[in-house]
C-alpha atoms as a PDB file:
ATOM      1  CA  MET A   1     -23.652  25.790  19.939  1.00  0.00           C
ATOM      2  CA  ASN A   2     -23.803  22.182  18.742  1.00  0.00           C
ATOM      3  CA  LYS A   3     -21.041  20.895  16.518  1.00  0.00           C
ATOM      4  CA  PRO A   4     -22.128  19.853  13.000  1.00  0.00           C
ATOM      5  CA  GLU A   5     -22.459  16.105  12.581  1.00  0.00           C
ATOM      6  CA  TYR A   6     -21.712  14.356   9.298  1.00  0.00           C
ATOM      7  CA  ILE A   7     -24.407  11.704   9.515  1.00  0.00           C
ATOM      8  CA  LYS A   8     -27.076  10.263   7.244  1.00  0.00           C
ATOM      9  CA  LYS A   9     -27.553   6.625   8.299  1.00  0.00           C
ATOM     10  CA  GLY A  10     -25.986   7.094  11.728  1.00  0.00           C
ATOM     11  CA  LYS A  11     -23.567   4.163  11.481  1.00  0.00           C
ATOM     12  CA  CYS A  12     -19.941   4.320  10.360  1.00  0.00           C
ATOM     13  CA  ILE A  13     -19.423   2.603   6.990  1.00  0.00           C
ATOM     14  CA  TRP A  14     -15.995   1.362   8.152  1.00  0.00           C
ATOM     15  CA  CYS A  15     -16.264   0.179  11.772  1.00  0.00           C
ATOM     16  CA  LEU A  16     -20.085  -0.184  11.756  1.00  0.00           C
ATOM     17  CA  GLN A  17     -20.352   1.594  15.110  1.00  0.00           C
ATOM     18  CA  SER A  18     -22.961   4.199  16.003  1.00  0.00           C
ATOM     19  CA  LYS A  19     -23.282   6.954  18.583  1.00  0.00           C
ATOM     20  CA  PRO A  20     -22.471   7.134  21.450  1.00  0.00           C
ATOM     21  CA  GLU A  21     -19.652   4.617  20.839  1.00  0.00           C
ATOM     22  CA  VAL A  22     -18.245   6.914  18.144  1.00  0.00           C
ATOM     23  CA  GLU A  23     -18.681  10.545  17.053  1.00  0.00           C
ATOM     24  CA  PHE A  24     -19.182  12.076  13.611  1.00  0.00           C
ATOM     25  CA  ASN A  25     -17.927  15.611  14.134  1.00  0.00           C
ATOM     26  CA  THR A  26     -14.872  15.650  11.839  1.00  0.00           C
ATOM     27  CA  LYS A  27     -15.420  16.703   8.219  1.00  0.00           C
ATOM     28  CA  PRO A  28     -14.662  13.580   6.134  1.00  0.00           C
ATOM     29  CA  HIS A  29     -13.108  14.301   2.743  1.00  0.00           C
ATOM     30  CA  THR A  30     -14.041  11.281   0.642  1.00  0.00           C
ATOM     31  CA  ILE A  31     -11.080  11.959  -1.664  1.00  0.00           C
ATOM     32  CA  PRO A  32      -7.752  13.418  -0.430  1.00  0.00           C
ATOM     33  CA  LYS A  33      -8.077  17.218  -0.418  1.00  0.00           C
ATOM     34  CA  THR A  34      -5.272  17.850  -2.914  1.00  0.00           C
ATOM     35  CA  LEU A  35      -7.191  15.773  -5.471  1.00  0.00           C
ATOM     36  CA  ASN A  36     -10.655  17.099  -4.605  1.00  0.00           C
ATOM     37  CA  PRO A  37     -11.206  19.592  -1.766  1.00  0.00           C
ATOM     38  CA  HIS A  38     -14.985  19.739  -2.228  1.00  0.00           C
ATOM     39  CA  ASN A  39     -16.467  16.267  -1.744  1.00  0.00           C
ATOM     40  CA  ILE A  40     -17.500  15.850   1.886  1.00  0.00           C
ATOM     41  CA  GLY A  41     -18.963  12.539   2.997  1.00  0.00           C
ATOM     42  CA  PHE A  42     -20.923  11.291   5.966  1.00  0.00           C
ATOM     43  CA  ASP A  43     -21.271   8.200   8.166  1.00  0.00           C
ATOM     44  CA  ILE A  44     -17.486   8.068   8.608  1.00  0.00           C
ATOM     45  CA  CYS A  45     -16.726   8.273  12.319  1.00  0.00           C
ATOM     46  CA  ASP A  46     -14.009  10.516  13.716  1.00  0.00           C
ATOM     47  CA  SER A  47     -11.779   7.563  14.576  1.00  0.00           C
ATOM     48  CA  CYS A  48     -11.906   6.002  11.096  1.00  0.00           C
ATOM     49  CA  ASN A  49     -11.561   9.398   9.437  1.00  0.00           C
ATOM     50  CA  SER A  50      -8.420  10.056  11.462  1.00  0.00           C
ATOM     51  CA  PHE A  51      -7.039   6.594  10.736  1.00  0.00           C
ATOM     52  CA  PHE A  52      -6.907   7.100   6.962  1.00  0.00           C
ATOM     53  CA  GLY A  53      -5.088  10.417   7.233  1.00  0.00           C
ATOM     54  CA  SER A  54      -2.647   9.608  10.047  1.00  0.00           C
ATOM     55  CA  ASP A  55       0.886   8.278   9.605  1.00  0.00           C
ATOM     56  CA  ASP A  56       1.871   5.236  11.648  1.00  0.00           C
ATOM     57  CA  LYS A  57       5.440   5.257  12.928  1.00  0.00           C
ATOM     58  CA  PHE A  58       5.190   1.561  13.841  1.00  0.00           C
ATOM     59  CA  SER A  59       4.436   0.410  10.287  1.00  0.00           C
ATOM     60  CA  LYS A  60       7.050  -0.557   7.723  1.00  0.00           C
ATOM     61  CA  VAL A  61       5.543   2.145   5.484  1.00  0.00           C
ATOM     62  CA  THR A  62       4.839   4.921   7.960  1.00  0.00           C
ATOM     63  CA  PHE A  63       2.829   7.053   5.526  1.00  0.00           C
ATOM     64  CA  SER A  64      -0.948   7.028   5.821  1.00  0.00           C
ATOM     65  CA  VAL A  65      -3.255   5.357   3.302  1.00  0.00           C
ATOM     66  CA  ASP A  66      -4.417   8.765   2.040  1.00  0.00           C
ATOM     67  CA  LYS A  67      -0.889  10.100   1.706  1.00  0.00           C
ATOM     68  CA  VAL A  68       0.378   7.143  -0.328  1.00  0.00           C
ATOM     69  CA  LEU A  69      -2.525   7.562  -2.745  1.00  0.00           C
ATOM     70  CA  LYS A  70      -2.303  11.313  -3.193  1.00  0.00           C
ATOM     71  CA  GLU A  71       1.496  11.547  -3.478  1.00  0.00           C
ATOM     72  CA  PHE A  72       1.639   9.358  -6.580  1.00  0.00           C
ATOM     73  CA  PHE A  73      -1.387  10.875  -8.277  1.00  0.00           C
ATOM     74  CA  ASN A  74      -0.271  14.417  -7.485  1.00  0.00           C
ATOM     75  CA  VAL A  75       3.147  13.989  -9.076  1.00  0.00           C
ATOM     76  CA  HIS A  76       1.571  12.354 -12.131  1.00  0.00           C
ATOM     77  CA  LYS A  77      -0.926  15.207 -12.482  1.00  0.00           C
ATOM     78  CA  PHE A  78       1.802  17.818 -12.032  1.00  0.00           C
ATOM     79  CA  LEU A  79       3.987  16.262 -14.714  1.00  0.00           C
ATOM     80  CA  LEU A  80       1.110  16.194 -17.185  1.00  0.00           C
ATOM     81  CA  ILE A  81      -0.189  19.741 -16.800  1.00  0.00           C
ATOM     82  CA  HIS A  82       2.752  21.947 -15.831  1.00  0.00           C
ATOM     83  CA  LYS A  83       5.557  23.351 -17.926  1.00  0.00           C
ATOM     84  CA  LYS A  84       8.795  22.219 -16.322  1.00  0.00           C
ATOM     85  CA  ASP A  85      11.265  25.039 -15.806  1.00  0.00           C
ATOM     86  CA  SER A  86      13.382  26.433 -13.006  1.00  0.00           C
ATOM     87  CA  ASN A  87      10.410  28.373 -11.615  1.00  0.00           C
ATOM     88  CA  SER A  88       7.557  25.875 -11.907  1.00  0.00           C
ATOM     89  CA  TRP A  89       9.280  23.444  -9.566  1.00  0.00           C
ATOM     90  CA  LYS A  90       9.635  25.996  -6.779  1.00  0.00           C
ATOM     91  CA  ASN A  91       6.029  25.239  -5.860  1.00  0.00           C
ATOM     92  CA  PHE A  92       6.504  21.487  -6.127  1.00  0.00           C
ATOM     93  CA  LYS A  93       6.035  19.921  -2.696  1.00  0.00           C
ATOM     94  CA  SER A  94       6.241  16.192  -2.064  1.00  0.00           C
ATOM     95  CA  GLN A  95       7.388  13.842   0.667  1.00  0.00           C
ATOM     96  CA  PHE A  96       7.984  11.080  -1.876  1.00  0.00           C
ATOM     97  CA  PHE A  97       9.725  12.909  -4.723  1.00  0.00           C
ATOM     98  CA  SER A  98      12.486  15.461  -5.252  1.00  0.00           C
ATOM     99  CA  TYR A  99      13.146  17.289  -8.521  1.00  0.00           C
ATOM    100  CA  TYR A 100      16.564  18.534  -9.629  1.00  0.00           C
ATOM    101  CA  HIS A 101      16.018  20.974 -12.459  1.00  0.00           C
ATOM    102  CA  THR A 102      19.618  21.280 -13.626  1.00  0.00           C
ATOM    103  CA  SER A 103      19.840  17.531 -14.294  1.00  0.00           C
ATOM    104  CA  ARG A 104      16.096  17.217 -15.090  1.00  0.00           C
ATOM    105  CA  THR A 105      15.889  14.339 -12.637  1.00  0.00           C
ATOM    106  CA  LEU A 106      12.871  13.263 -10.616  1.00  0.00           C
ATOM    107  CA  LYS A 107      14.025  11.208  -7.639  1.00  0.00           C
ATOM    108  CA  LEU A 108      11.822   8.896  -5.601  1.00  0.00           C
ATOM    109  CA  ASN A 109      12.743   9.380  -1.940  1.00  0.00           C
ATOM    110  CA  VAL A 110      11.107   6.271  -0.512  1.00  0.00           C
ATOM    111  CA  ASP A 111      12.925   2.933  -0.622  1.00  0.00           C
ATOM    112  CA  TYR A 112      10.432   1.252  -2.858  1.00  0.00           C
ATOM    113  CA  ILE A 113      12.573  -0.511  -5.456  1.00  0.00           C
ATOM    114  CA  ARG A 114      15.432  -2.214  -3.576  1.00  0.00           C
ATOM    115  CA  ASN A 115      13.467  -3.183  -0.460  1.00  0.00           C
ATOM    116  CA  ALA A 116      10.936  -5.845  -1.519  1.00  0.00           C
ATOM    117  CA  GLN A 117       9.003  -5.850   1.760  1.00  0.00           C
ATOM    118  CA  TYR A 118       8.687  -2.080   1.696  1.00  0.00           C
ATOM    119  CA  ALA A 119       7.589  -2.142  -1.944  1.00  0.00           C
ATOM    120  CA  ASN A 120       4.918  -4.735  -1.182  1.00  0.00           C
ATOM    121  CA  GLU A 121       3.547  -2.745   1.750  1.00  0.00           C
ATOM    122  CA  LEU A 122       3.576   0.514  -0.230  1.00  0.00           C
ATOM    123  CA  THR A 123       1.656  -1.147  -3.054  1.00  0.00           C
ATOM    124  CA  ARG A 124      -0.819  -2.591  -0.560  1.00  0.00           C
ATOM    125  CA  LYS A 125      -1.448   0.836   0.976  1.00  0.00           C
ATOM    126  CA  PHE A 126      -1.972   2.302  -2.470  1.00  0.00           C
ATOM    127  CA  LYS A 127      -4.553  -0.390  -3.259  1.00  0.00           C
ATOM    128  CA  ARG A 128      -6.298   0.217   0.059  1.00  0.00           C
ATOM    129  CA  GLY A 129      -6.396   3.920  -0.823  1.00  0.00           C
ATOM    130  CA  ILE A 130      -8.165   3.195  -4.114  1.00  0.00           C
ATOM    131  CA  TYR A 131     -10.767   0.994  -2.403  1.00  0.00           C
ATOM    132  CA  ASN A 132     -11.122   3.627   0.326  1.00  0.00           C
ATOM    133  CA  ILE A 133     -12.155   6.449  -1.990  1.00  0.00           C
ATOM    134  CA  PHE A 134     -14.440   4.077  -3.896  1.00  0.00           C
ATOM    135  CA  LEU A 135     -16.515   3.089  -0.856  1.00  0.00           C
ATOM    136  CA  GLN A 136     -16.647   6.595   0.607  1.00  0.00           C
ATOM    137  CA  GLU A 137     -17.702   8.120  -2.711  1.00  0.00           C
ATOM    138  CA  TYR A 138     -20.176   5.292  -3.317  1.00  0.00           C
ATOM    139  CA  HIS A 139     -21.818   6.042   0.024  1.00  0.00           C
ATOM    140  CA  ARG A 140     -21.801   9.800  -0.607  1.00  0.00           C
ATOM    141  CA  ASN A 141     -23.711   9.175  -3.837  1.00  0.00           C
ATOM    142  CA  THR A 142     -25.994   6.299  -2.821  1.00  0.00           C
ATOM    143  CA  GLN A 143     -26.023   5.990   1.016  1.00  0.00           C
ATOM    144  CA  LEU A 144     -25.716   2.214   0.487  1.00  0.00           C
ATOM    145  CA  ALA A 145     -22.153   1.400   1.601  1.00  0.00           C
ATOM    146  CA  LEU A 146     -23.320  -0.282   4.813  1.00  0.00           C
ATOM    147  CA  ASP A 147     -24.466  -3.275   2.748  1.00  0.00           C
ATOM    148  CA  ASN A 148     -22.866  -6.602   3.734  1.00  0.00           C
ATOM    149  CA  LYS A 149     -21.574  -7.100   0.182  1.00  0.00           C
ATOM    150  CA  PHE A 150     -18.841  -4.558   0.974  1.00  0.00           C
ATOM    151  CA  GLU A 151     -17.599  -6.332   4.091  1.00  0.00           C
ATOM    152  CA  ARG A 152     -14.388  -7.534   2.493  1.00  0.00           C
ATOM    153  CA  ILE A 153     -13.595  -3.944   1.467  1.00  0.00           C
ATOM    154  CA  ARG A 154     -14.063  -2.910   5.101  1.00  0.00           C
ATOM    155  CA  GLN A 155     -11.737  -5.677   6.238  1.00  0.00           C
ATOM    156  CA  PHE A 156      -9.076  -4.882   3.641  1.00  0.00           C
ATOM    157  CA  VAL A 157      -9.103  -1.085   3.889  1.00  0.00           C
ATOM    158  CA  ARG A 158      -9.862  -0.353   7.545  1.00  0.00           C
ATOM    159  CA  HIS A 159      -8.442  -3.439   9.261  1.00  0.00           C
ATOM    160  CA  ASP A 160      -5.703  -4.436   6.777  1.00  0.00           C
ATOM    161  CA  ASN A 161      -7.088  -7.982   6.592  1.00  0.00           C
ATOM    162  CA  GLY A 162      -7.271 -10.212   3.551  1.00  0.00           C
ATOM    163  CA  GLU A 163      -6.426  -9.249  -0.002  1.00  0.00           C
ATOM    164  CA  LEU A 164      -8.296  -7.579  -2.843  1.00  0.00           C
ATOM    165  CA  PRO A 165      -7.052  -7.294  -6.419  1.00  0.00           C
ATOM    166  CA  LEU A 166      -6.528  -4.042  -8.266  1.00  0.00           C
ATOM    167  CA  TYR A 167      -6.498  -4.308 -12.042  1.00  0.00           C
ATOM    168  CA  TYR A 168      -4.664  -1.725 -14.135  1.00  0.00           C
ATOM    169  CA  LEU A 169      -4.876  -0.886 -17.835  1.00  0.00           C
ATOM    170  CA  LYS A 170      -1.271  -0.287 -18.864  1.00  0.00           C
ATOM    171  CA  ASN A 171      -0.750   2.783 -21.026  1.00  0.00           C
ATOM    172  CA  ASN A 172       1.261   2.686 -24.213  1.00  0.00           C
ATOM    173  CA  ASP A 173       4.606   4.458 -23.772  1.00  0.00           C
ATOM    174  CA  GLY A 174       4.172   8.200 -24.091  1.00  0.00           C
ATOM    175  CA  VAL A 175       0.370   8.137 -24.416  1.00  0.00           C
ATOM    176  CA  ARG A 176      -2.314   9.463 -22.081  1.00  0.00           C
ATOM    177  CA  LEU A 177      -5.948  10.341 -22.634  1.00  0.00           C
ATOM    178  CA  MET A 178      -5.722  13.996 -21.695  1.00  0.00           C
ATOM    179  CA  GLY A 179      -8.687  15.410 -19.824  1.00  0.00           C
ATOM    180  CA  ASP A 180      -9.223  18.550 -17.786  1.00  0.00           C
ATOM    181  CA  PHE A 181      -6.734  17.773 -15.030  1.00  0.00           C
ATOM    182  CA  GLU A 182      -7.352  21.155 -13.397  1.00  0.00           C
ATOM    183  CA  THR A 183     -10.857  19.980 -12.453  1.00  0.00           C
ATOM    184  CA  PRO A 184     -11.119  18.170  -9.090  1.00  0.00           C
ATOM    185  CA  PHE A 185     -11.115  14.413  -9.446  1.00  0.00           C
ATOM    186  CA  GLU A 186     -14.554  12.748  -9.357  1.00  0.00           C
ATOM    187  CA  LEU A 187     -15.905   9.191  -9.325  1.00  0.00           C
ATOM    188  CA  SER A 188     -18.930   8.470 -11.488  1.00  0.00           C
ATOM    189  CA  PHE A 189     -21.949   6.628 -10.134  1.00  0.00           C
ATOM    190  CA  ASN A 190     -24.442   6.926 -12.979  1.00  0.00           C
ATOM    191  CA  ASP A 191     -27.063   4.288 -13.784  1.00  0.00           C
ATOM    192  CA  TYR A 192     -24.739   2.385 -16.137  1.00  0.00           C
ATOM    193  CA  THR A 193     -21.924   2.246 -13.571  1.00  0.00           C
ATOM    194  CA  LEU A 194     -24.266   1.116 -10.811  1.00  0.00           C
ATOM    195  CA  ASN A 195     -25.777  -1.576 -13.039  1.00  0.00           C
ATOM    196  CA  ILE A 196     -22.323  -2.984 -13.860  1.00  0.00           C
ATOM    197  CA  LEU A 197     -21.430  -2.931 -10.180  1.00  0.00           C
ATOM    198  CA  GLU A 198     -24.616  -4.760  -9.259  1.00  0.00           C
ATOM    199  CA  GLU A 199     -24.447  -7.346 -12.052  1.00  0.00           C
ATOM    200  CA  TYR A 200     -20.717  -8.050 -12.318  1.00  0.00           C
ATOM    201  CA  GLY A 201     -19.177  -6.670  -9.105  1.00  0.00           C
ATOM    202  CA  PHE A 202     -16.591  -4.459 -10.826  1.00  0.00           C
ATOM    203  CA  TYR A 203     -16.050  -0.707 -10.760  1.00  0.00           C
ATOM    204  CA  HIS A 204     -13.987   1.164 -13.380  1.00  0.00           C
ATOM    205  CA  LEU A 205     -12.066   4.108 -11.947  1.00  0.00           C
ATOM    206  CA  SER A 206     -10.241   6.592 -14.177  1.00  0.00           C
ATOM    207  CA  MET A 207      -7.893   9.014 -12.450  1.00  0.00           C
ATOM    208  CA  THR A 208      -5.532  11.550 -14.103  1.00  0.00           C
ATOM    209  CA  GLY A 209      -5.381   9.454 -17.248  1.00  0.00           C
ATOM    210  CA  LEU A 210      -4.782   6.189 -15.369  1.00  0.00           C
ATOM    211  CA  ASN A 211      -7.406   3.445 -15.437  1.00  0.00           C
ATOM    212  CA  PHE A 212      -8.194   0.834 -12.793  1.00  0.00           C
ATOM    213  CA  PHE A 213     -10.813  -1.828 -12.140  1.00  0.00           C
ATOM    214  CA  ILE A 214     -11.646  -2.860  -8.590  1.00  0.00           C
ATOM    215  CA  ALA A 215     -13.374  -6.037  -7.463  1.00  0.00           C
ATOM    216  CA  ALA A 216     -15.960  -4.229  -5.357  1.00  0.00           C
ATOM    217  CA  THR A 217     -18.176  -7.205  -4.435  1.00  0.00           C
ATOM    218  CA  TYR A 218     -18.007 -10.996  -4.358  1.00  0.00           C
ATOM    219  CA  LYS A 219     -19.703 -11.127  -7.766  1.00  0.00           C
ATOM    220  CA  ALA A 220     -16.434 -10.002  -9.346  1.00  0.00           C
ATOM    221  CA  ASP A 221     -14.855 -13.356  -8.445  1.00  0.00           C
ATOM    222  CA  SER A 222     -17.077 -15.219 -10.911  1.00  0.00           C
ATOM    223  CA  ASN A 223     -17.125 -12.535 -13.612  1.00  0.00           C
ATOM    224  CA  MET A 224     -13.520 -12.311 -14.773  1.00  0.00           C
ATOM    225  CA  GLU A 225     -14.678 -12.960 -18.327  1.00  0.00           C
ATOM    226  CA  TYR A 226     -16.633  -9.701 -18.205  1.00  0.00           C
ATOM    227  CA  LEU A 227     -13.523  -7.813 -17.058  1.00  0.00           C
ATOM    228  CA  ILE A 228     -11.351  -9.363 -19.772  1.00  0.00           C
ATOM    229  CA  ASN A 229     -13.880  -8.513 -22.476  1.00  0.00           C
ATOM    230  CA  GLN A 230     -14.329  -4.986 -21.138  1.00  0.00           C
ATOM    231  CA  ALA A 231     -10.563  -4.431 -21.132  1.00  0.00           C
ATOM    232  CA  ARG A 232     -10.254  -5.850 -24.649  1.00  0.00           C
ATOM    233  CA  GLU A 233     -12.907  -3.406 -25.862  1.00  0.00           C
ATOM    234  CA  ILE A 234     -11.160  -0.423 -24.241  1.00  0.00           C
ATOM    235  CA  ILE A 235      -7.727  -1.464 -25.532  1.00  0.00           C
ATOM    236  CA  GLY A 236      -8.981  -1.732 -29.112  1.00  0.00           C
ATOM    237  CA  THR A 237      -6.058  -1.146 -31.465  1.00  0.00           C
ATOM    238  CA  GLY A 238      -3.636  -0.725 -28.565  1.00  0.00           C
ATOM    239  CA  PHE A 239      -2.751   2.886 -29.322  1.00  0.00           C
ATOM    240  CA  VAL A 240      -3.572   4.198 -25.829  1.00  0.00           C
ATOM    241  CA  PHE A 241      -3.698   1.010 -23.727  1.00  0.00           C
ATOM    242  CA  THR A 242      -1.726  -2.183 -24.195  1.00  0.00           C
ATOM    243  CA  GLU A 243      -2.893  -4.755 -21.649  1.00  0.00           C
ATOM    244  CA  LEU A 244      -4.823  -5.392 -18.451  1.00  0.00           C
ATOM    245  CA  ILE A 245      -2.729  -6.559 -15.502  1.00  0.00           C
ATOM    246  CA  GLU A 246      -3.354  -7.295 -11.856  1.00  0.00           C
ATOM    247  CA  LEU A 247      -1.209  -4.734 -10.072  1.00  0.00           C
ATOM    248  CA  LYS A 248       1.522  -6.358  -7.999  1.00  0.00           C
ATOM    249  CA  LYS A 249       4.067  -3.520  -7.739  1.00  0.00           C
ATOM    250  CA  LEU A 250       3.542   0.229  -7.941  1.00  0.00           C
ATOM    251  CA  ASN A 251       6.351   0.617 -10.462  1.00  0.00           C
ATOM    252  CA  GLU A 252       4.128  -1.165 -12.972  1.00  0.00           C
ATOM    253  CA  ILE A 253       2.339   2.203 -13.211  1.00  0.00           C
ATOM    254  CA  ASP A 254       4.218   4.905 -15.103  1.00  0.00           C
ATOM    255  CA  PHE A 255       3.413   7.709 -12.627  1.00  0.00           C
ATOM    256  CA  THR A 256       6.579   9.663 -13.394  1.00  0.00           C
ATOM    257  CA  LEU A 257       6.263   9.377 -17.178  1.00  0.00           C
ATOM    258  CA  ARG A 258       9.644   7.642 -17.380  1.00  0.00           C
ATOM    259  CA  ASN A 259       8.549   5.860 -20.569  1.00  0.00           C
ATOM    260  CA  TRP A 260       7.800   9.089 -22.402  1.00  0.00           C
ATOM    261  CA  ASN A 261      10.085  10.169 -25.207  1.00  0.00           C
END
């Protein structure tokens, strides 16, 4: 019995290799399973698929790209939707965080504040994780991720080369736009989103009440005015969002709701 192959175009969107150099037998979750267990992609070879989910003991931050992304979003989602009592935290599982109910303390277990090099690498892996799910979901929806305009995403995410910015809309203290956080996380690729991507090079990603803009193509480099105006329109009176920043450190994002009253 032949193994199922997850192929549409027949070339990996990350390493650009085809069979028989690479295989496509491993089910590729385009978004980490704890955030969305349903979305299965294609044209992601077994080697690249394994790379994103595998820890690397030789790296300063040993955790995989997928793990860094999902750990922070999972704790943020859990804090928003669950009542915190002595029982709810029994099911709380995290390699990055520990919760002590008696003192109502959430402790970050990774050395991400005092060690500047570690903090920089952790932030970089988080950014690569955001760009990773963008390109995989884009291809799942359009089958167009092999385009040369995404080469710098390939270099940044798969080969850890170069640098790409991640822009973040800072939330006002204690405020989130509450959605249905029980529903698996999705990326939108409707006509409007695709037109903005094509014309300006930016993609707006909203995830568990947190909002990001990624510079998906080279066009973004010459369209910063669009991004600034778009952010200004979203911020409005400043009740929910306060400013647009280029993310430099992960602690600029209030994942653990430390600024909530």
